[in-house]
Amino acid sequence: MVAAFIIIIIVVVVRSSGTFEQKAESATFALTMLSAGTGKPDAMDKVGACYLNGEGIGRNYQEAASWFRKAVEKSYAPSARNLAHMFRQGLGVERNLETAAYWYQRAAALGDIGARDDLAELTLELRRQQEQQQRQDDFRRYEQRE
């Protein structure tokens, strides 16, 4: 059954238009979707990355986030970090640094060491924003007194 499905994918991709690289990306995406459908979190993460980057399929941030969440439900740390990046950069979701921090913490708790570094950088960024906001508020209060 799986072999037949793979053959169908190959035939459809070969007959489709596009460059060889585009066809290869489409075939890779289709096979990765097949693997993700069996519940493999690393494949789910790869599908999310394909949607995020538009590799083998059109770019779709909502689908990317959906696939990353599915992988996180299976405790796959890289997907939690990918979600954090999306919230930090505002890719398909409203930019929210607190939510990004949550996902970095989740990734770190699941064992992603790089997420700890990202969280430290984000914490500094949040502090700088808070300090800048405090200075602006102080300046407004000062101007109102005069």
N, C-alpha and C. Protein backbone atom coordinates (compact mmCIF):
# COMPACT_ATOMS: atom_id res chain seq x y z
N MET A 1 0.82 -1.19 0.00
CA MET A 1 0.00 0.00 0.00
C MET A 1 0.87 1.26 0.00
N VAL A 2 1.82 1.34 0.91
CA VAL A 2 2.70 2.49 0.98
C VAL A 2 3.53 2.61 -0.29
N ALA A 3 4.02 1.48 -0.80
CA ALA A 3 4.82 1.49 -2.04
C ALA A 3 3.99 2.03 -3.20
N ALA A 4 2.73 1.66 -3.27
CA ALA A 4 1.86 2.15 -4.34
C ALA A 4 1.67 3.66 -4.22
N PHE A 5 1.50 4.12 -3.00
CA PHE A 5 1.33 5.55 -2.78
C PHE A 5 2.59 6.31 -3.20
N ILE A 6 3.74 5.79 -2.88
CA ILE A 6 5.01 6.42 -3.25
C ILE A 6 5.13 6.49 -4.77
N ILE A 7 4.76 5.42 -5.45
CA ILE A 7 4.82 5.41 -6.92
C ILE A 7 3.89 6.46 -7.49
N ILE A 8 2.70 6.59 -6.93
CA ILE A 8 1.74 7.61 -7.40
C ILE A 8 2.33 9.00 -7.21
N ILE A 9 2.95 9.24 -6.06
CA ILE A 9 3.57 10.54 -5.80
C ILE A 9 4.64 10.83 -6.85
N ILE A 10 5.48 9.86 -7.11
CA ILE A 10 6.56 10.05 -8.06
C ILE A 10 6.01 10.37 -9.45
N VAL A 11 5.00 9.62 -9.89
CA VAL A 11 4.41 9.85 -11.22
C VAL A 11 3.79 11.24 -11.31
N VAL A 12 3.05 11.63 -10.29
CA VAL A 12 2.41 12.95 -10.30
C VAL A 12 3.46 14.06 -10.32
N VAL A 13 4.49 13.92 -9.51
CA VAL A 13 5.53 14.95 -9.45
C VAL A 13 6.31 15.02 -10.76
N VAL A 14 6.65 13.88 -11.33
CA VAL A 14 7.42 13.87 -12.58
C VAL A 14 6.63 14.53 -13.70
N ARG A 15 5.34 14.33 -13.74
CA ARG A 15 4.50 14.90 -14.79
C ARG A 15 4.14 16.36 -14.54
N SER A 16 4.41 16.85 -13.35
CA SER A 16 4.07 18.25 -13.04
C SER A 16 5.07 19.19 -13.71
N SER A 17 4.68 20.46 -13.78
CA SER A 17 5.58 21.45 -14.38
C SER A 17 6.56 21.94 -13.32
N GLY A 18 7.61 22.56 -13.79
CA GLY A 18 8.61 23.10 -12.88
C GLY A 18 9.98 22.53 -13.14
N THR A 19 10.96 23.12 -12.47
CA THR A 19 12.33 22.66 -12.62
C THR A 19 12.52 21.34 -11.90
N PHE A 20 13.64 20.72 -12.15
CA PHE A 20 13.95 19.47 -11.47
C PHE A 20 13.98 19.67 -9.96
N GLU A 21 14.58 20.79 -9.53
CA GLU A 21 14.67 21.07 -8.10
C GLU A 21 13.28 21.23 -7.47
N GLN A 22 12.39 21.91 -8.19
CA GLN A 22 11.03 22.08 -7.68
C GLN A 22 10.32 20.74 -7.58
N LYS A 23 10.52 19.90 -8.59
CA LYS A 23 9.90 18.57 -8.56
C LYS A 23 10.46 17.73 -7.42
N ALA A 24 11.76 17.83 -7.21
CA ALA A 24 12.39 17.08 -6.11
C ALA A 24 11.86 17.56 -4.76
N GLU A 25 11.72 18.88 -4.60
CA GLU A 25 11.17 19.42 -3.35
C GLU A 25 9.73 18.95 -3.14
N SER A 26 8.94 18.95 -4.22
CA SER A 26 7.55 18.50 -4.11
C SER A 26 7.48 17.04 -3.72
N ALA A 27 8.32 16.22 -4.31
CA ALA A 27 8.34 14.78 -3.98
C ALA A 27 8.77 14.57 -2.54
N THR A 28 9.80 15.31 -2.13
CA THR A 28 10.28 15.20 -0.74
C THR A 28 9.18 15.61 0.23
N PHE A 29 8.49 16.70 -0.10
CA PHE A 29 7.39 17.15 0.76
C PHE A 29 6.31 16.08 0.87
N ALA A 30 5.93 15.49 -0.26
CA ALA A 30 4.87 14.47 -0.26
C ALA A 30 5.28 13.27 0.59
N LEU A 31 6.50 12.85 0.46
CA LEU A 31 6.97 11.70 1.26
C LEU A 31 7.05 12.06 2.75
N THR A 32 7.44 13.29 3.03
CA THR A 32 7.50 13.74 4.42
C THR A 32 6.10 13.80 5.01
N MET A 33 5.13 14.25 4.23
CA MET A 33 3.73 14.28 4.69
C MET A 33 3.25 12.87 5.01
N LEU A 34 3.64 11.93 4.17
CA LEU A 34 3.27 10.53 4.40
C LEU A 34 3.83 10.05 5.74
N SER A 35 5.08 10.38 6.00
CA SER A 35 5.72 9.99 7.25
C SER A 35 5.09 10.71 8.44
N ALA A 36 4.79 12.00 8.27
CA ALA A 36 4.16 12.77 9.35
C ALA A 36 2.79 12.20 9.69
N GLY A 37 2.10 11.69 8.68
CA GLY A 37 0.78 11.11 8.89
C GLY A 37 0.81 9.87 9.77
N THR A 38 1.98 9.27 9.91
CA THR A 38 2.10 8.10 10.79
C THR A 38 2.40 8.51 12.23
N GLY A 39 2.53 9.83 12.46
CA GLY A 39 2.72 10.31 13.82
C GLY A 39 4.17 10.54 14.23
N LYS A 40 5.08 10.55 13.29
CA LYS A 40 6.50 10.77 13.62
C LYS A 40 6.74 12.26 13.84
N PRO A 41 7.15 12.65 15.05
CA PRO A 41 7.30 14.08 15.34
C PRO A 41 8.38 14.77 14.52
N ASP A 42 9.46 14.06 14.18
CA ASP A 42 10.49 14.71 13.37
C ASP A 42 9.97 15.02 11.97
N ALA A 43 9.12 14.14 11.45
CA ALA A 43 8.51 14.38 10.14
C ALA A 43 7.50 15.52 10.23
N MET A 44 6.76 15.59 11.34
CA MET A 44 5.82 16.69 11.55
C MET A 44 6.56 18.02 11.56
N ASP A 45 7.71 18.04 12.22
CA ASP A 45 8.53 19.24 12.28
C ASP A 45 9.02 19.62 10.88
N LYS A 46 9.42 18.64 10.10
CA LYS A 46 9.89 18.90 8.74
C LYS A 46 8.76 19.45 7.87
N VAL A 47 7.56 18.91 8.02
CA VAL A 47 6.40 19.44 7.28
C VAL A 47 6.18 20.90 7.67
N GLY A 48 6.25 21.18 8.97
CA GLY A 48 6.12 22.56 9.43
C GLY A 48 7.18 23.46 8.81
N ALA A 49 8.41 22.97 8.75
CA ALA A 49 9.50 23.75 8.15
C ALA A 49 9.26 23.98 6.66
N CYS A 50 8.72 22.96 5.98
CA CYS A 50 8.41 23.13 4.55
C CYS A 50 7.38 24.23 4.35
N TYR A 51 6.33 24.22 5.17
CA TYR A 51 5.32 25.29 5.07
C TYR A 51 5.92 26.64 5.45
N LEU A 52 6.76 26.66 6.47
CA LEU A 52 7.37 27.90 6.92
C LEU A 52 8.24 28.53 5.84
N ASN A 53 9.00 27.69 5.14
CA ASN A 53 9.96 28.18 4.15
C ASN A 53 9.48 28.08 2.71
N GLY A 54 8.31 27.50 2.50
CA GLY A 54 7.80 27.34 1.14
C GLY A 54 8.59 26.34 0.32
N GLU A 55 9.02 25.27 0.95
CA GLU A 55 9.81 24.24 0.27
C GLU A 55 8.91 23.07 -0.13
N GLY A 56 8.70 22.91 -1.44
CA GLY A 56 7.89 21.81 -1.93
C GLY A 56 6.39 22.07 -1.85
N ILE A 57 6.03 23.18 -1.26
CA ILE A 57 4.63 23.57 -1.09
C ILE A 57 4.62 25.08 -0.89
N GLY A 58 3.50 25.71 -1.14
CA GLY A 58 3.43 27.15 -0.93
C GLY A 58 3.63 27.52 0.53
N ARG A 59 4.23 28.68 0.76
CA ARG A 59 4.45 29.15 2.13
C ARG A 59 3.10 29.37 2.81
N ASN A 60 2.97 28.83 4.03
CA ASN A 60 1.73 28.97 4.78
C ASN A 60 2.09 28.92 6.26
N TYR A 61 2.16 30.09 6.88
CA TYR A 61 2.59 30.17 8.27
C TYR A 61 1.63 29.48 9.24
N GLN A 62 0.32 29.57 8.94
CA GLN A 62 -0.64 28.93 9.84
C GLN A 62 -0.47 27.41 9.84
N GLU A 63 -0.26 26.85 8.66
CA GLU A 63 -0.02 25.40 8.57
C GLU A 63 1.29 25.04 9.26
N ALA A 64 2.30 25.88 9.09
CA ALA A 64 3.59 25.63 9.75
C ALA A 64 3.39 25.54 11.26
N ALA A 65 2.71 26.54 11.82
CA ALA A 65 2.48 26.55 13.27
C ALA A 65 1.67 25.34 13.71
N SER A 66 0.69 24.95 12.91
CA SER A 66 -0.14 23.79 13.24
C SER A 66 0.71 22.52 13.31
N TRP A 67 1.57 22.32 12.32
CA TRP A 67 2.43 21.12 12.33
C TRP A 67 3.46 21.16 13.45
N PHE A 68 4.00 22.34 13.75
CA PHE A 68 4.94 22.44 14.87
C PHE A 68 4.23 22.09 16.18
N ARG A 69 2.99 22.56 16.34
CA ARG A 69 2.25 22.25 17.57
C ARG A 69 2.00 20.74 17.70
N LYS A 70 1.66 20.09 16.58
CA LYS A 70 1.44 18.64 16.61
C LYS A 70 2.70 17.92 17.08
N ALA A 71 3.85 18.37 16.61
CA ALA A 71 5.11 17.74 17.01
C ALA A 71 5.42 18.01 18.48
N VAL A 72 5.11 19.23 18.95
CA VAL A 72 5.35 19.56 20.36
C VAL A 72 4.47 18.69 21.26
N GLU A 73 3.25 18.39 20.80
CA GLU A 73 2.37 17.50 21.57
C GLU A 73 3.02 16.13 21.79
N LYS A 74 3.96 15.78 20.93
CA LYS A 74 4.70 14.53 21.06
C LYS A 74 6.08 14.78 21.67
N SER A 75 6.22 15.93 22.34
CA SER A 75 7.43 16.32 23.07
C SER A 75 8.66 16.48 22.19
N TYR A 76 8.48 17.01 20.99
CA TYR A 76 9.59 17.23 20.07
C TYR A 76 10.10 18.66 20.25
N ALA A 77 11.24 18.80 20.92
CA ALA A 77 11.79 20.09 21.31
C ALA A 77 12.04 21.06 20.15
N PRO A 78 12.61 20.61 19.02
CA PRO A 78 12.87 21.57 17.94
C PRO A 78 11.61 22.29 17.45
N SER A 79 10.49 21.64 17.51
CA SER A 79 9.24 22.29 17.07
C SER A 79 8.82 23.39 18.03
N ALA A 80 9.05 23.20 19.31
CA ALA A 80 8.75 24.25 20.28
C ALA A 80 9.63 25.47 20.01
N ARG A 81 10.87 25.21 19.68
CA ARG A 81 11.78 26.32 19.35
C ARG A 81 11.34 27.02 18.06
N ASN A 82 10.89 26.24 17.09
CA ASN A 82 10.40 26.83 15.84
C ASN A 82 9.18 27.73 16.10
N LEU A 83 8.29 27.28 16.96
CA LEU A 83 7.13 28.12 17.33
C LEU A 83 7.60 29.40 18.00
N ALA A 84 8.59 29.28 18.86
CA ALA A 84 9.13 30.47 19.53
C ALA A 84 9.65 31.47 18.51
N HIS A 85 10.39 30.98 17.53
CA HIS A 85 10.91 31.87 16.48
C HIS A 85 9.76 32.57 15.74
N MET A 86 8.70 31.82 15.47
CA MET A 86 7.56 32.41 14.75
C MET A 86 6.94 33.55 15.56
N PHE A 87 6.75 33.34 16.86
CA PHE A 87 6.16 34.38 17.70
C PHE A 87 7.13 35.54 17.89
N ARG A 88 8.40 35.25 17.97
CA ARG A 88 9.40 36.31 18.14
C ARG A 88 9.46 37.21 16.91
N GLN A 89 9.32 36.62 15.73
CA GLN A 89 9.42 37.38 14.49
C GLN A 89 8.06 37.81 13.93
N GLY A 90 6.97 37.29 14.50
CA GLY A 90 5.65 37.63 13.99
C GLY A 90 5.35 36.99 12.64
N LEU A 91 5.76 35.76 12.47
CA LEU A 91 5.54 35.04 11.21
C LEU A 91 4.21 34.29 11.25
N GLY A 92 3.19 34.88 10.65
CA GLY A 92 1.88 34.23 10.61
C GLY A 92 1.10 34.30 11.91
N VAL A 93 1.71 34.87 12.91
CA VAL A 93 1.07 35.08 14.21
C VAL A 93 1.42 36.50 14.64
N GLU A 94 0.64 37.03 15.55
CA GLU A 94 0.97 38.36 16.06
C GLU A 94 2.28 38.26 16.85
N ARG A 95 3.19 39.19 16.58
CA ARG A 95 4.47 39.17 17.29
C ARG A 95 4.21 39.32 18.78
N ASN A 96 4.70 38.37 19.55
CA ASN A 96 4.45 38.36 20.98
C ASN A 96 5.67 37.76 21.67
N LEU A 97 6.46 38.61 22.29
CA LEU A 97 7.70 38.15 22.90
C LEU A 97 7.48 37.30 24.14
N GLU A 98 6.39 37.56 24.86
CA GLU A 98 6.10 36.73 26.04
C GLU A 98 5.74 35.31 25.61
N THR A 99 4.97 35.20 24.53
CA THR A 99 4.62 33.88 24.02
C THR A 99 5.86 33.19 23.46
N ALA A 100 6.72 33.95 22.81
CA ALA A 100 7.98 33.39 22.31
C ALA A 100 8.79 32.84 23.49
N ALA A 101 8.84 33.59 24.58
CA ALA A 101 9.58 33.14 25.76
C ALA A 101 9.00 31.83 26.29
N TYR A 102 7.67 31.73 26.31
CA TYR A 102 7.03 30.49 26.75
C TYR A 102 7.52 29.31 25.91
N TRP A 103 7.52 29.46 24.57
CA TRP A 103 7.92 28.35 23.70
C TRP A 103 9.40 28.04 23.82
N TYR A 104 10.24 29.08 24.03
CA TYR A 104 11.66 28.81 24.26
C TYR A 104 11.85 28.02 25.56
N GLN A 105 11.10 28.40 26.59
CA GLN A 105 11.18 27.67 27.87
C GLN A 105 10.73 26.22 27.68
N ARG A 106 9.67 26.05 26.92
CA ARG A 106 9.17 24.69 26.66
C ARG A 106 10.21 23.87 25.91
N ALA A 107 10.83 24.48 24.89
CA ALA A 107 11.87 23.78 24.12
C ALA A 107 13.05 23.42 25.02
N ALA A 108 13.45 24.36 25.87
CA ALA A 108 14.57 24.10 26.78
C ALA A 108 14.22 22.97 27.76
N ALA A 109 12.99 22.98 28.26
CA ALA A 109 12.56 21.92 29.18
C ALA A 109 12.56 20.56 28.50
N LEU A 110 12.33 20.56 27.18
CA LEU A 110 12.34 19.31 26.42
C LEU A 110 13.75 18.92 25.99
N GLY A 111 14.75 19.75 26.35
CA GLY A 111 16.14 19.38 26.09
C GLY A 111 16.86 20.11 24.97
N ASP A 112 16.23 21.13 24.39
CA ASP A 112 16.88 21.88 23.32
C ASP A 112 17.81 22.93 23.94
N ILE A 113 19.10 22.67 23.88
CA ILE A 113 20.08 23.55 24.51
C ILE A 113 20.11 24.92 23.84
N GLY A 114 19.99 24.96 22.53
CA GLY A 114 19.98 26.23 21.81
C GLY A 114 18.85 27.13 22.23
N ALA A 115 17.74 26.54 22.66
CA ALA A 115 16.59 27.33 23.10
C ALA A 115 16.94 28.13 24.35
N ARG A 116 17.83 27.60 25.17
CA ARG A 116 18.25 28.34 26.37
C ARG A 116 18.97 29.62 25.98
N ASP A 117 19.83 29.53 24.97
CA ASP A 117 20.54 30.72 24.49
C ASP A 117 19.55 31.72 23.89
N ASP A 118 18.60 31.20 23.11
CA ASP A 118 17.59 32.08 22.52
C ASP A 118 16.76 32.77 23.60
N LEU A 119 16.44 32.03 24.64
CA LEU A 119 15.66 32.59 25.75
C LEU A 119 16.44 33.68 26.46
N ALA A 120 17.74 33.47 26.66
CA ALA A 120 18.57 34.49 27.30
C ALA A 120 18.61 35.76 26.45
N GLU A 121 18.77 35.61 25.13
CA GLU A 121 18.76 36.78 24.24
C GLU A 121 17.41 37.49 24.28
N LEU A 122 16.35 36.72 24.27
CA LEU A 122 15.01 37.30 24.30
C LEU A 122 14.76 38.03 25.62
N THR A 123 15.24 37.48 26.71
CA THR A 123 15.08 38.12 28.02
C THR A 123 15.76 39.49 28.02
N LEU A 124 16.95 39.56 27.44
CA LEU A 124 17.64 40.86 27.33
C LEU A 124 16.84 41.83 26.46
N GLU A 125 16.31 41.33 25.37
CA GLU A 125 15.50 42.16 24.48
C GLU A 125 14.27 42.70 25.20
N LEU A 126 13.61 41.84 25.98
CA LEU A 126 12.44 42.28 26.73
C LEU A 126 12.81 43.34 27.77
N ARG A 127 13.94 43.15 28.44
CA ARG A 127 14.38 44.13 29.44
C ARG A 127 14.66 45.48 28.78
N ARG A 128 15.32 45.45 27.62
CA ARG A 128 15.62 46.69 26.91
C ARG A 128 14.31 47.40 26.54
N GLN A 129 13.34 46.65 26.07
CA GLN A 129 12.05 47.25 25.71
C GLN A 129 11.37 47.86 26.92
N GLN A 130 11.41 47.13 28.05
CA GLN A 130 10.79 47.65 29.26
C GLN A 130 11.49 48.92 29.75
N GLU A 131 12.82 48.93 29.67
CA GLU A 131 13.57 50.10 30.08
C GLU A 131 13.28 51.30 29.17
N GLN A 132 13.19 51.04 27.87
CA GLN A 132 12.87 52.10 26.92
C GLN A 132 11.47 52.66 27.18
N GLN A 133 10.53 51.76 27.44
CA GLN A 133 9.16 52.19 27.75
C GLN A 133 9.14 53.02 29.03
N GLN A 134 9.92 52.61 30.02
CA GLN A 134 9.98 53.35 31.29
C GLN A 134 10.55 54.75 31.06
N ARG A 135 11.60 54.85 30.23
CA ARG A 135 12.18 56.17 29.93
C ARG A 135 11.16 57.05 29.21
N GLN A 136 10.42 56.48 28.28
CA GLN A 136 9.41 57.25 27.55
C GLN A 136 8.31 57.72 28.50
N ASP A 137 7.89 56.84 29.40
CA ASP A 137 6.86 57.21 30.37
C ASP A 137 7.37 58.31 31.30
N ASP A 138 8.61 58.19 31.75
CA ASP A 138 9.20 59.20 32.62
C ASP A 138 9.28 60.55 31.91
N PHE A 139 9.66 60.52 30.63
CA PHE A 139 9.78 61.75 29.85
C PHE A 139 8.41 62.41 29.69
N ARG A 140 7.38 61.61 29.41
CA ARG A 140 6.02 62.16 29.27
C ARG A 140 5.56 62.81 30.57
N ARG A 141 5.83 62.15 31.70
CA ARG A 141 5.45 62.72 32.99
C ARG A 141 6.19 64.02 33.25
N TYR A 142 7.46 64.05 32.88
CA TYR A 142 8.27 65.26 33.05
C TYR A 142 7.71 66.40 32.21
N GLU A 143 7.34 66.11 30.95
CA GLU A 143 6.79 67.14 30.06
C GLU A 143 5.45 67.66 30.59
N GLN A 144 4.65 66.79 31.19
CA GLN A 144 3.33 67.19 31.68
C GLN A 144 3.45 68.13 32.88
N ARG A 145 4.53 68.02 33.62
CA ARG A 145 4.73 68.88 34.80
C ARG A 145 5.05 70.32 34.39
N GLU A 146 5.61 70.50 33.25
CA GLU A 146 6.01 71.85 32.84
C GLU A 146 4.96 72.58 32.09
